[in-house]
């Protein structure tokens, strides 16, 4: 064999080896997160770090998102294979004809909360009467305020609701310009604690508004075209989430390893909240919300967020892709 033939043969073998490696990595899939990488979506990074997707035959790309609504839209238009978005955002999009379906709720209840300082006098929704409550117009937390008040028998006219821009939202509470804010316990509360203040979170789920939270979503046609692939993705993801909740330290490391700009300390702080949301009261396993929660979510969304009643709640989600051996809820 002459030198040229030898070089050509070596190059072909190298190419073949590279091709085999690419094939062994699995079928390419992309997931778009709800927002920036953090504890509320850390289970996916944990699963990838542990090689669970590769083991399932999936070569997964994880990209950060720009909000649940945008992520759901990307799924609907085929720009991403999988989305991670708030269930209500996906449901509202489906009512407009988008073929988007919830295939596994990860955060089985939302992280919305009435947030107050511990040295204040807000211990329950009824304590909002006669107090100043800051909200951000247009957010789901604000839209569901009426549901909170109705569920707790509170007259809205007796609560001083003040709209505040995002940039001044947390500051208004810390400066005691307001008595409480409506926000995310896994976001706003973390910011407040980082500044050295003690916070009281009154979770929506505990006061009558347990809407389903961040969920894995996909297009109907893609699910139908390769059901086995999506089942494998859900199973690997739930295993990743199980590992993350049991070892937040390792999960935080996985997030930082894949998204170096993220601060590990903040991810760890967020897990204090996230781990409370992975299983709704009465849930038996990760990814499977009790039917009563779906019913309550549907009733709340049709009454307060304008979700039409022309389709049953079961049109918005499926449990068929959940593994029989999904990690158990505590």
C-alpha atoms as a PDB file:
ATOM      1  CA  UNK A   1       0.000   0.000   0.000  1.00  0.00           C
ATOM      2  CA  UNK A   2       1.513   3.345  -1.064  1.00  0.00           C
ATOM      3  CA  UNK A   3       1.560   6.439   1.143  1.00  0.00           C
ATOM      4  CA  UNK A   4      -1.428   8.114  -0.552  1.00  0.00           C
ATOM      5  CA  UNK A   5      -3.604   4.993  -0.209  1.00  0.00           C
ATOM      6  CA  UNK A   6      -2.578   4.646   3.432  1.00  0.00           C
ATOM      7  CA  UNK A   7      -3.553   8.261   4.230  1.00  0.00           C
ATOM      8  CA  UNK A   8      -6.878   7.817   2.431  1.00  0.00           C
ATOM      9  CA  UNK A   9      -7.622   4.591   4.306  1.00  0.00           C
ATOM     10  CA  UNK A  10      -6.805   6.150   7.695  1.00  0.00           C
ATOM     11  CA  UNK A  11      -9.005   9.143   6.886  1.00  0.00           C
ATOM     12  CA  UNK A  12     -11.915   6.896   5.906  1.00  0.00           C
ATOM     13  CA  UNK A  13     -11.538   4.866   9.083  1.00  0.00           C
ATOM     14  CA  UNK A  14     -11.502   8.059  11.130  1.00  0.00           C
ATOM     15  CA  UNK A  15     -14.610   9.302   9.338  1.00  0.00           C
ATOM     16  CA  UNK A  16     -16.314   5.994   9.937  1.00  0.00           C
ATOM     17  CA  UNK A  17     -15.437   6.099  13.596  1.00  0.00           C
ATOM     18  CA  UNK A  18     -16.780   9.634  13.831  1.00  0.00           C
ATOM     19  CA  UNK A  19     -20.019   8.610  12.130  1.00  0.00           C
ATOM     20  CA  UNK A  20     -20.422   5.652  14.448  1.00  0.00           C
ATOM     21  CA  UNK A  21     -19.894   7.922  17.452  1.00  0.00           C
ATOM     22  CA  UNK A  22     -22.526  10.360  16.201  1.00  0.00           C
ATOM     23  CA  UNK A  23     -24.977   7.534  15.676  1.00  0.00           C
ATOM     24  CA  UNK A  24     -24.294   6.098  19.125  1.00  0.00           C
ATOM     25  CA  UNK A  25     -25.117   9.486  20.649  1.00  0.00           C
ATOM     26  CA  UNK A  26     -28.717   8.916  19.626  1.00  0.00           C
ATOM     27  CA  UNK A  27     -31.433  10.720  17.753  1.00  0.00           C
ATOM     28  CA  UNK A  28     -31.092  14.519  17.876  1.00  0.00           C
ATOM     29  CA  UNK A  29     -33.714  16.315  19.953  1.00  0.00           C
ATOM     30  CA  UNK A  30     -33.917  19.864  21.261  1.00  0.00           C
ATOM     31  CA  UNK A  31     -35.682  21.121  24.356  1.00  0.00           C
ATOM     32  CA  UNK A  32     -36.379  24.814  24.908  1.00  0.00           C
ATOM     33  CA  UNK A  33     -36.626  25.746  28.570  1.00  0.00           C
ATOM     34  CA  UNK A  34     -39.186  28.087  30.086  1.00  0.00           C
ATOM     35  CA  UNK A  35     -36.568  30.722  30.828  1.00  0.00           C
ATOM     36  CA  UNK A  36     -32.917  30.933  31.871  1.00  0.00           C
ATOM     37  CA  UNK A  37     -31.236  27.835  33.306  1.00  0.00           C
ATOM     38  CA  UNK A  38     -32.023  27.526  37.020  1.00  0.00           C
ATOM     39  CA  UNK A  39     -33.407  25.138  39.618  1.00  0.00           C
ATOM     40  CA  UNK A  40     -36.957  25.085  38.127  1.00  0.00           C
ATOM     41  CA  UNK A  41     -35.531  23.363  35.014  1.00  0.00           C
ATOM     42  CA  UNK A  42     -32.401  21.742  36.502  1.00  0.00           C
ATOM     43  CA  UNK A  43     -33.669  18.175  36.148  1.00  0.00           C
ATOM     44  CA  UNK A  44     -32.993  18.200  32.420  1.00  0.00           C
ATOM     45  CA  UNK A  45     -29.372  19.261  32.896  1.00  0.00           C
ATOM     46  CA  UNK A  46     -29.018  16.618  35.613  1.00  0.00           C
ATOM     47  CA  UNK A  47     -30.370  13.915  33.295  1.00  0.00           C
ATOM     48  CA  UNK A  48     -27.965  14.956  30.560  1.00  0.00           C
ATOM     49  CA  UNK A  49     -25.023  15.068  32.980  1.00  0.00           C
ATOM     50  CA  UNK A  50     -25.847  11.535  34.127  1.00  0.00           C
ATOM     51  CA  UNK A  51     -26.021  10.267  30.541  1.00  0.00           C
ATOM     52  CA  UNK A  52     -29.689   9.298  30.854  1.00  0.00           C
ATOM     53  CA  UNK A  53     -30.684  10.751  27.485  1.00  0.00           C
ATOM     54  CA  UNK A  54     -27.776   9.083  25.723  1.00  0.00           C
ATOM     55  CA  UNK A  55     -28.768   5.793  27.345  1.00  0.00           C
ATOM     56  CA  UNK A  56     -32.306   6.337  26.031  1.00  0.00           C
ATOM     57  CA  UNK A  57     -30.985   6.847  22.494  1.00  0.00           C
ATOM     58  CA  UNK A  58     -31.372  10.638  22.499  1.00  0.00           C
ATOM     59  CA  UNK A  59     -28.765  13.252  21.600  1.00  0.00           C
ATOM     60  CA  UNK A  60     -30.298  16.193  23.468  1.00  0.00           C
ATOM     61  CA  UNK A  61     -29.620  19.882  22.997  1.00  0.00           C
ATOM     62  CA  UNK A  62     -30.846  22.135  25.813  1.00  0.00           C
ATOM     63  CA  UNK A  63     -31.462  25.805  25.102  1.00  0.00           C
ATOM     64  CA  UNK A  64     -32.661  28.537  27.431  1.00  0.00           C
ATOM     65  CA  UNK A  65     -36.050  30.133  26.847  1.00  0.00           C
ATOM     66  CA  UNK A  66     -37.611  33.573  26.898  1.00  0.00           C
ATOM     67  CA  UNK A  67     -40.787  32.832  28.817  1.00  0.00           C
ATOM     68  CA  UNK A  68     -43.364  30.048  28.815  1.00  0.00           C
ATOM     69  CA  UNK A  69     -45.539  31.727  26.193  1.00  0.00           C
ATOM     70  CA  UNK A  70     -42.651  32.007  23.736  1.00  0.00           C
ATOM     71  CA  UNK A  71     -41.510  28.450  24.409  1.00  0.00           C
ATOM     72  CA  UNK A  72     -45.004  27.081  23.814  1.00  0.00           C
ATOM     73  CA  UNK A  73     -45.170  29.033  20.565  1.00  0.00           C
ATOM     74  CA  UNK A  74     -41.832  27.548  19.447  1.00  0.00           C
ATOM     75  CA  UNK A  75     -43.176  24.052  20.057  1.00  0.00           C
ATOM     76  CA  UNK A  76     -46.345  24.876  18.128  1.00  0.00           C
ATOM     77  CA  UNK A  77     -44.401  26.169  15.114  1.00  0.00           C
ATOM     78  CA  UNK A  78     -41.940  23.258  15.114  1.00  0.00           C
ATOM     79  CA  UNK A  79     -38.881  25.311  16.084  1.00  0.00           C
ATOM     80  CA  UNK A  80     -38.121  22.921  18.919  1.00  0.00           C
ATOM     81  CA  UNK A  81     -39.006  19.289  19.626  1.00  0.00           C
ATOM     82  CA  UNK A  82     -39.824  19.667  23.299  1.00  0.00           C
ATOM     83  CA  UNK A  83     -40.836  22.634  25.398  1.00  0.00           C
ATOM     84  CA  UNK A  84     -40.847  23.284  29.126  1.00  0.00           C
ATOM     85  CA  UNK A  85     -43.585  25.772  29.890  1.00  0.00           C
ATOM     86  CA  UNK A  86     -46.318  26.669  32.369  1.00  0.00           C
ATOM     87  CA  UNK A  87     -49.335  24.464  31.757  1.00  0.00           C
ATOM     88  CA  UNK A  88     -51.774  27.418  31.440  1.00  0.00           C
ATOM     89  CA  UNK A  89     -49.604  28.966  28.684  1.00  0.00           C
ATOM     90  CA  UNK A  90     -49.708  25.731  26.680  1.00  0.00           C
ATOM     91  CA  UNK A  91     -53.418  25.294  27.280  1.00  0.00           C
ATOM     92  CA  UNK A  92     -54.249  28.810  26.138  1.00  0.00           C
ATOM     93  CA  UNK A  93     -52.237  28.284  22.965  1.00  0.00           C
ATOM     94  CA  UNK A  94     -54.047  25.028  22.251  1.00  0.00           C
ATOM     95  CA  UNK A  95     -57.403  26.807  22.406  1.00  0.00           C
ATOM     96  CA  UNK A  96     -56.193  28.897  19.450  1.00  0.00           C
ATOM     97  CA  UNK A  97     -55.652  25.806  17.337  1.00  0.00           C
ATOM     98  CA  UNK A  98     -52.007  25.062  18.121  1.00  0.00           C
ATOM     99  CA  UNK A  99     -51.333  21.282  18.289  1.00  0.00           C
ATOM    100  CA  UNK A 100     -49.534  21.541  21.630  1.00  0.00           C
ATOM    101  CA  UNK A 101     -50.083  18.968  24.364  1.00  0.00           C
ATOM    102  CA  UNK A 102     -48.840  18.556  27.929  1.00  0.00           C
ATOM    103  CA  UNK A 103     -47.119  15.182  28.243  1.00  0.00           C
ATOM    104  CA  UNK A 104     -45.598  15.406  31.742  1.00  0.00           C
ATOM    105  CA  UNK A 105     -46.168  18.089  34.376  1.00  0.00           C
ATOM    106  CA  UNK A 106     -42.853  18.401  36.245  1.00  0.00           C
ATOM    107  CA  UNK A 107     -43.782  21.097  38.738  1.00  0.00           C
ATOM    108  CA  UNK A 108     -47.189  19.749  39.619  1.00  0.00           C
ATOM    109  CA  UNK A 109     -48.285  23.001  41.234  1.00  0.00           C
ATOM    110  CA  UNK A 110     -47.241  26.559  40.484  1.00  0.00           C
ATOM    111  CA  UNK A 111     -44.699  28.499  42.534  1.00  0.00           C
ATOM    112  CA  UNK A 112     -46.864  31.629  42.726  1.00  0.00           C
ATOM    113  CA  UNK A 113     -47.151  33.175  46.147  1.00  0.00           C
ATOM    114  CA  UNK A 114     -48.295  36.111  48.206  1.00  0.00           C
ATOM    115  CA  UNK A 115     -44.903  37.273  49.445  1.00  0.00           C
ATOM    116  CA  UNK A 116     -44.451  39.311  52.624  1.00  0.00           C
ATOM    117  CA  UNK A 117     -41.681  40.058  55.080  1.00  0.00           C
ATOM    118  CA  UNK A 118     -41.744  37.955  58.233  1.00  0.00           C
ATOM    119  CA  UNK A 119     -41.821  41.026  60.452  1.00  0.00           C
ATOM    120  CA  UNK A 120     -45.037  42.165  58.768  1.00  0.00           C
ATOM    121  CA  UNK A 121     -48.591  41.177  59.562  1.00  0.00           C
ATOM    122  CA  UNK A 122     -49.484  39.106  56.492  1.00  0.00           C
ATOM    123  CA  UNK A 123     -49.903  35.474  57.514  1.00  0.00           C
ATOM    124  CA  UNK A 124     -52.904  34.503  55.378  1.00  0.00           C
ATOM    125  CA  UNK A 125     -54.911  35.951  52.467  1.00  0.00           C
ATOM    126  CA  UNK A 126     -57.469  37.459  54.863  1.00  0.00           C
ATOM    127  CA  UNK A 127     -54.697  39.667  56.246  1.00  0.00           C
ATOM    128  CA  UNK A 128     -54.578  41.539  52.916  1.00  0.00           C
ATOM    129  CA  UNK A 129     -57.767  43.383  53.826  1.00  0.00           C
ATOM    130  CA  UNK A 130     -56.898  47.035  54.342  1.00  0.00           C
ATOM    131  CA  UNK A 131     -53.308  46.460  53.184  1.00  0.00           C
ATOM    132  CA  UNK A 132     -51.271  47.515  50.132  1.00  0.00           C
ATOM    133  CA  UNK A 133     -50.620  44.683  47.665  1.00  0.00           C
ATOM    134  CA  UNK A 134     -48.179  45.204  44.776  1.00  0.00           C
ATOM    135  CA  UNK A 135     -48.749  43.392  41.466  1.00  0.00           C
ATOM    136  CA  UNK A 136     -47.173  43.302  38.020  1.00  0.00           C
ATOM    137  CA  UNK A 137     -49.878  43.773  35.355  1.00  0.00           C
ATOM    138  CA  UNK A 138     -50.113  41.014  32.779  1.00  0.00           C
ATOM    139  CA  UNK A 139     -48.533  38.254  34.847  1.00  0.00           C
ATOM    140  CA  UNK A 140     -50.331  35.012  35.671  1.00  0.00           C
ATOM    141  CA  UNK A 141     -49.936  35.761  39.378  1.00  0.00           C
ATOM    142  CA  UNK A 142     -51.865  39.001  38.959  1.00  0.00           C
ATOM    143  CA  UNK A 143     -54.518  37.489  36.721  1.00  0.00           C
ATOM    144  CA  UNK A 144     -55.226  34.825  39.329  1.00  0.00           C
ATOM    145  CA  UNK A 145     -55.564  37.352  42.169  1.00  0.00           C
ATOM    146  CA  UNK A 146     -59.332  37.341  41.783  1.00  0.00           C
ATOM    147  CA  UNK A 147     -59.296  33.570  42.215  1.00  0.00           C
ATOM    148  CA  UNK A 148     -57.288  33.924  45.430  1.00  0.00           C
ATOM    149  CA  UNK A 149     -59.691  36.526  46.808  1.00  0.00           C
ATOM    150  CA  UNK A 150     -62.792  34.570  45.791  1.00  0.00           C
ATOM    151  CA  UNK A 151     -61.445  31.314  47.233  1.00  0.00           C
ATOM    152  CA  UNK A 152     -60.862  33.044  50.558  1.00  0.00           C
ATOM    153  CA  UNK A 153     -64.056  35.132  50.668  1.00  0.00           C
ATOM    154  CA  UNK A 154     -62.278  38.477  50.348  1.00  0.00           C
ATOM    155  CA  UNK A 155     -63.878  41.566  48.825  1.00  0.00           C
ATOM    156  CA  UNK A 156     -61.399  42.940  46.261  1.00  0.00           C
ATOM    157  CA  UNK A 157     -62.470  46.517  46.996  1.00  0.00           C
ATOM    158  CA  UNK A 158     -61.060  46.105  50.497  1.00  0.00           C
ATOM    159  CA  UNK A 159     -57.533  45.389  49.231  1.00  0.00           C
ATOM    160  CA  UNK A 160     -55.384  48.271  47.976  1.00  0.00           C
ATOM    161  CA  UNK A 161     -53.938  46.746  44.781  1.00  0.00           C
ATOM    162  CA  UNK A 162     -51.038  48.759  43.343  1.00  0.00           C
ATOM    163  CA  UNK A 163     -49.453  48.108  39.924  1.00  0.00           C
ATOM    164  CA  UNK A 164     -45.659  48.398  40.034  1.00  0.00           C
ATOM    165  CA  UNK A 165     -43.016  48.067  37.317  1.00  0.00           C
ATOM    166  CA  UNK A 166     -40.768  44.961  37.514  1.00  0.00           C
ATOM    167  CA  UNK A 167     -37.672  47.029  38.289  1.00  0.00           C
ATOM    168  CA  UNK A 168     -39.184  48.460  41.467  1.00  0.00           C
ATOM    169  CA  UNK A 169     -41.264  45.452  42.447  1.00  0.00           C
ATOM    170  CA  UNK A 170     -39.067  43.833  45.109  1.00  0.00           C
ATOM    171  CA  UNK A 171     -37.783  47.190  46.337  1.00  0.00           C
ATOM    172  CA  UNK A 172     -41.308  48.361  47.106  1.00  0.00           C
ATOM    173  CA  UNK A 173     -41.692  45.532  49.623  1.00  0.00           C
ATOM    174  CA  UNK A 174     -38.248  45.948  51.155  1.00  0.00           C
ATOM    175  CA  UNK A 175     -38.789  49.676  51.574  1.00  0.00           C
ATOM    176  CA  UNK A 176     -42.199  48.884  53.108  1.00  0.00           C
ATOM    177  CA  UNK A 177     -44.062  50.962  50.569  1.00  0.00           C
ATOM    178  CA  UNK A 178     -46.376  47.950  50.248  1.00  0.00           C
ATOM    179  CA  UNK A 179     -47.292  45.152  52.646  1.00  0.00           C
ATOM    180  CA  UNK A 180     -47.021  42.250  50.195  1.00  0.00           C
ATOM    181  CA  UNK A 181     -46.350  41.409  46.554  1.00  0.00           C
ATOM    182  CA  UNK A 182     -47.649  38.736  44.198  1.00  0.00           C
ATOM    183  CA  UNK A 183     -44.697  36.914  42.683  1.00  0.00           C
ATOM    184  CA  UNK A 184     -42.728  33.699  42.332  1.00  0.00           C
ATOM    185  CA  UNK A 185     -41.451  32.047  45.485  1.00  0.00           C
ATOM    186  CA  UNK A 186     -38.638  30.548  43.407  1.00  0.00           C
ATOM    187  CA  UNK A 187     -37.633  33.956  42.027  1.00  0.00           C
ATOM    188  CA  UNK A 188     -38.732  37.060  43.936  1.00  0.00           C
ATOM    189  CA  UNK A 189     -38.453  35.434  47.349  1.00  0.00           C
ATOM    190  CA  UNK A 190     -34.935  34.268  46.521  1.00  0.00           C
ATOM    191  CA  UNK A 191     -33.929  37.828  45.625  1.00  0.00           C
ATOM    192  CA  UNK A 192     -35.283  39.107  48.934  1.00  0.00           C
ATOM    193  CA  UNK A 193     -33.508  36.440  50.986  1.00  0.00           C
ATOM    194  CA  UNK A 194     -30.252  37.157  49.161  1.00  0.00           C
ATOM    195  CA  UNK A 195     -30.506  40.699  50.528  1.00  0.00           C
ATOM    196  CA  UNK A 196     -30.691  39.403  54.076  1.00  0.00           C
ATOM    197  CA  UNK A 197     -34.440  39.649  54.705  1.00  0.00           C
ATOM    198  CA  UNK A 198     -36.708  36.899  56.048  1.00  0.00           C
ATOM    199  CA  UNK A 199     -39.680  36.103  53.848  1.00  0.00           C
ATOM    200  CA  UNK A 200     -43.088  34.541  54.330  1.00  0.00           C
ATOM    201  CA  UNK A 201     -44.435  32.766  51.234  1.00  0.00           C
ATOM    202  CA  UNK A 202     -48.166  32.078  51.127  1.00  0.00           C
ATOM    203  CA  UNK A 203     -48.363  29.671  48.182  1.00  0.00           C
ATOM    204  CA  UNK A 204     -51.328  29.923  45.843  1.00  0.00           C
ATOM    205  CA  UNK A 205     -51.649  26.140  45.924  1.00  0.00           C
ATOM    206  CA  UNK A 206     -52.243  26.243  49.683  1.00  0.00           C
ATOM    207  CA  UNK A 207     -54.979  28.883  49.528  1.00  0.00           C
ATOM    208  CA  UNK A 208     -57.251  27.502  46.829  1.00  0.00           C
ATOM    209  CA  UNK A 209     -55.381  28.049  43.526  1.00  0.00           C
ATOM    210  CA  UNK A 210     -53.287  24.924  42.794  1.00  0.00           C
ATOM    211  CA  UNK A 211     -52.935  25.350  39.020  1.00  0.00           C
ATOM    212  CA  UNK A 212     -50.557  22.930  37.286  1.00  0.00           C
ATOM    213  CA  UNK A 213     -47.070  24.388  36.837  1.00  0.00           C
ATOM    214  CA  UNK A 214     -44.101  23.920  34.505  1.00  0.00           C
ATOM    215  CA  UNK A 215     -44.663  20.970  32.182  1.00  0.00           C
ATOM    216  CA  UNK A 216     -43.056  19.078  29.319  1.00  0.00           C
ATOM    217  CA  UNK A 217     -44.984  19.829  26.125  1.00  0.00           C
ATOM    218  CA  UNK A 218     -44.790  18.646  22.511  1.00  0.00           C
ATOM    219  CA  UNK A 219     -46.704  18.747  19.221  1.00  0.00           C
ATOM    220  CA  UNK A 220     -49.428  16.146  18.644  1.00  0.00           C
ATOM    221  CA  UNK A 221     -48.078  15.103  15.252  1.00  0.00           C
ATOM    222  CA  UNK A 222     -44.513  14.618  16.468  1.00  0.00           C
ATOM    223  CA  UNK A 223     -45.714  12.537  19.402  1.00  0.00           C
ATOM    224  CA  UNK A 224     -47.745  10.355  17.051  1.00  0.00           C
ATOM    225  CA  UNK A 225     -44.888   9.999  14.562  1.00  0.00           C
ATOM    226  CA  UNK A 226     -42.417   8.686  17.170  1.00  0.00           C
ATOM    227  CA  UNK A 227     -44.221   7.837  20.387  1.00  0.00           C
ATOM    228  CA  UNK A 228     -41.393   5.624  21.629  1.00  0.00           C
ATOM    229  CA  UNK A 229     -38.913   8.498  21.377  1.00  0.00           C
ATOM    230  CA  UNK A 230     -41.066  10.846  23.424  1.00  0.00           C
ATOM    231  CA  UNK A 231     -41.735   8.143  25.999  1.00  0.00           C
ATOM    232  CA  UNK A 232     -37.993   7.624  26.324  1.00  0.00           C
ATOM    233  CA  UNK A 233     -37.477  11.361  26.735  1.00  0.00           C
ATOM    234  CA  UNK A 234     -40.088  11.629  29.492  1.00  0.00           C
ATOM    235  CA  UNK A 235     -38.706   8.630  31.371  1.00  0.00           C
ATOM    236  CA  UNK A 236     -35.109   9.910  31.232  1.00  0.00           C
ATOM    237  CA  UNK A 237     -36.235  13.391  32.277  1.00  0.00           C
ATOM    238  CA  UNK A 238     -38.194  12.155  35.298  1.00  0.00           C
ATOM    239  CA  UNK A 239     -35.194  10.078  36.374  1.00  0.00           C
ATOM    240  CA  UNK A 240     -33.092  13.224  36.088  1.00  0.00           C
ATOM    241  CA  UNK A 241     -35.559  15.165  38.205  1.00  0.00           C
ATOM    242  CA  UNK A 242     -35.606  12.391  40.788  1.00  0.00           C
ATOM    243  CA  UNK A 243     -31.809  12.572  41.011  1.00  0.00           C
ATOM    244  CA  UNK A 244     -31.917  16.385  41.190  1.00  0.00           C
ATOM    245  CA  UNK A 245     -34.395  16.539  44.076  1.00  0.00           C
ATOM    246  CA  UNK A 246     -32.346  13.996  46.020  1.00  0.00           C
ATOM    247  CA  UNK A 247     -29.054  15.779  45.403  1.00  0.00           C
ATOM    248  CA  UNK A 248     -29.562  19.513  44.740  1.00  0.00           C
ATOM    249  CA  UNK A 249     -25.821  20.106  45.091  1.00  0.00           C
ATOM    250  CA  UNK A 250     -25.049  17.803  42.160  1.00  0.00           C
ATOM    251  CA  UNK A 251     -27.956  19.232  40.194  1.00  0.00           C
ATOM    252  CA  UNK A 252     -26.651  22.758  40.695  1.00  0.00           C
ATOM    253  CA  UNK A 253     -23.232  21.610  39.493  1.00  0.00           C
ATOM    254  CA  UNK A 254     -24.878  20.116  36.396  1.00  0.00           C
ATOM    255  CA  UNK A 255     -26.623  23.408  35.631  1.00  0.00           C
ATOM    256  CA  UNK A 256     -23.412  25.414  35.994  1.00  0.00           C
ATOM    257  CA  UNK A 257     -21.433  22.890  33.942  1.00  0.00           C
ATOM    258  CA  UNK A 258     -23.792  23.334  31.002  1.00  0.00           C
ATOM    259  CA  UNK A 259     -24.575  27.028  31.555  1.00  0.00           C
ATOM    260  CA  UNK A 260     -21.461  28.589  33.169  1.00  0.00           C
ATOM    261  CA  UNK A 261     -23.032  32.021  33.635  1.00  0.00           C
ATOM    262  CA  UNK A 262     -25.420  30.641  36.264  1.00  0.00           C
ATOM    263  CA  UNK A 263     -24.591  31.138  39.942  1.00  0.00           C
ATOM    264  CA  UNK A 264     -24.584  27.864  41.853  1.00  0.00           C
ATOM    265  CA  UNK A 265     -25.663  29.472  45.133  1.00  0.00           C
ATOM    266  CA  UNK A 266     -28.809  30.852  43.528  1.00  0.00           C
ATOM    267  CA  UNK A 267     -29.718  27.460  42.056  1.00  0.00           C
ATOM    268  CA  UNK A 268     -29.326  25.826  45.456  1.00  0.00           C
ATOM    269  CA  UNK A 269     -31.504  28.477  47.080  1.00  0.00           C
ATOM    270  CA  UNK A 270     -34.197  27.931  44.454  1.00  0.00           C
ATOM    271  CA  UNK A 271     -34.304  24.203  45.174  1.00  0.00           C
ATOM    272  CA  UNK A 272     -35.800  24.968  48.591  1.00  0.00           C
ATOM    273  CA  UNK A 273     -38.919  26.020  46.698  1.00  0.00           C
ATOM    274  CA  UNK A 274     -38.733  23.762  43.648  1.00  0.00           C
ATOM    275  CA  UNK A 275     -38.676  20.571  45.693  1.00  0.00           C
ATOM    276  CA  UNK A 276     -41.995  21.612  47.246  1.00  0.00           C
ATOM    277  CA  UNK A 277     -43.610  21.836  43.806  1.00  0.00           C
ATOM    278  CA  UNK A 278     -42.531  18.544  42.228  1.00  0.00           C
ATOM    279  CA  UNK A 279     -45.369  16.633  43.889  1.00  0.00           C
ATOM    280  CA  UNK A 280     -48.850  18.013  44.463  1.00  0.00           C
ATOM    281  CA  UNK A 281     -50.693  16.906  47.604  1.00  0.00           C
ATOM    282  CA  UNK A 282     -52.043  13.438  46.856  1.00  0.00           C
ATOM    283  CA  UNK A 283     -49.700  12.743  43.919  1.00  0.00           C
ATOM    284  CA  UNK A 284     -48.235   9.238  43.743  1.00  0.00           C
ATOM    285  CA  UNK A 285     -45.374   9.795  41.290  1.00  0.00           C
ATOM    286  CA  UNK A 286     -43.385  12.457  39.482  1.00  0.00           C
ATOM    287  CA  UNK A 287     -45.038  13.684  36.289  1.00  0.00           C
ATOM    288  CA  UNK A 288     -48.559  12.568  37.222  1.00  0.00           C
ATOM    289  CA  UNK A 289     -50.852  15.247  38.622  1.00  0.00           C
ATOM    290  CA  UNK A 290     -53.916  14.086  40.608  1.00  0.00           C
ATOM    291  CA  UNK A 291     -57.070  14.400  38.492  1.00  0.00           C
ATOM    292  CA  UNK A 292     -58.593  16.748  41.052  1.00  0.00           C
ATOM    293  CA  UNK A 293     -55.786  19.244  40.392  1.00  0.00           C
ATOM    294  CA  UNK A 294     -56.492  19.158  36.671  1.00  0.00           C
ATOM    295  CA  UNK A 295     -60.166  19.772  37.355  1.00  0.00           C
ATOM    296  CA  UNK A 296     -59.432  22.697  39.671  1.00  0.00           C
ATOM    297  CA  UNK A 297     -56.949  24.144  37.158  1.00  0.00           C
ATOM    298  CA  UNK A 298     -59.551  23.899  34.413  1.00  0.00           C
ATOM    299  CA  UNK A 299     -62.219  25.590  36.523  1.00  0.00           C
ATOM    300  CA  UNK A 300     -59.864  28.411  37.501  1.00  0.00           C
ATOM    301  CA  UNK A 301     -58.561  28.964  33.980  1.00  0.00           C
ATOM    302  CA  UNK A 302     -62.004  29.019  32.394  1.00  0.00           C
ATOM    303  CA  UNK A 303     -63.295  31.426  35.028  1.00  0.00           C
ATOM    304  CA  UNK A 304     -60.352  33.799  35.363  1.00  0.00           C
ATOM    305  CA  UNK A 305     -58.063  33.407  32.329  1.00  0.00           C
ATOM    306  CA  UNK A 306     -60.681  33.136  29.611  1.00  0.00           C
ATOM    307  CA  UNK A 307     -60.063  29.497  28.709  1.00  0.00           C
ATOM    308  CA  UNK A 308     -63.069  28.332  26.660  1.00  0.00           C
ATOM    309  CA  UNK A 309     -65.228  25.472  27.865  1.00  0.00           C
ATOM    310  CA  UNK A 310     -65.746  23.860  24.461  1.00  0.00           C
ATOM    311  CA  UNK A 311     -63.138  21.159  25.158  1.00  0.00           C
ATOM    312  CA  UNK A 312     -62.736  18.912  28.212  1.00  0.00           C
ATOM    313  CA  UNK A 313     -59.634  19.219  30.367  1.00  0.00           C
ATOM    314  CA  UNK A 314     -58.412  15.848  29.049  1.00  0.00           C
ATOM    315  CA  UNK A 315     -57.914  17.440  25.613  1.00  0.00           C
ATOM    316  CA  UNK A 316     -54.991  19.461  26.962  1.00  0.00           C
ATOM    317  CA  UNK A 317     -52.852  16.682  28.405  1.00  0.00           C
ATOM    318  CA  UNK A 318     -52.040  12.999  28.129  1.00  0.00           C
ATOM    319  CA  UNK A 319     -50.684  10.476  30.629  1.00  0.00           C
ATOM    320  CA  UNK A 320     -49.917   7.864  27.958  1.00  0.00           C
ATOM    321  CA  UNK A 321     -46.229   8.793  27.747  1.00  0.00           C
ATOM    322  CA  UNK A 322     -45.557   8.485  31.483  1.00  0.00           C
ATOM    323  CA  UNK A 323     -43.482   5.436  32.502  1.00  0.00           C
ATOM    324  CA  UNK A 324     -45.159   2.820  34.652  1.00  0.00           C
ATOM    325  CA  UNK A 325     -42.194   2.980  37.008  1.00  0.00           C
ATOM    326  CA  UNK A 326     -42.019   6.755  37.417  1.00  0.00           C
ATOM    327  CA  UNK A 327     -40.186   7.880  40.575  1.00  0.00           C
ATOM    328  CA  UNK A 328     -42.543   7.920  43.527  1.00  0.00           C
ATOM    329  CA  UNK A 329     -43.673  11.035  45.334  1.00  0.00           C
ATOM    330  CA  UNK A 330     -42.786  11.139  49.022  1.00  0.00           C
END
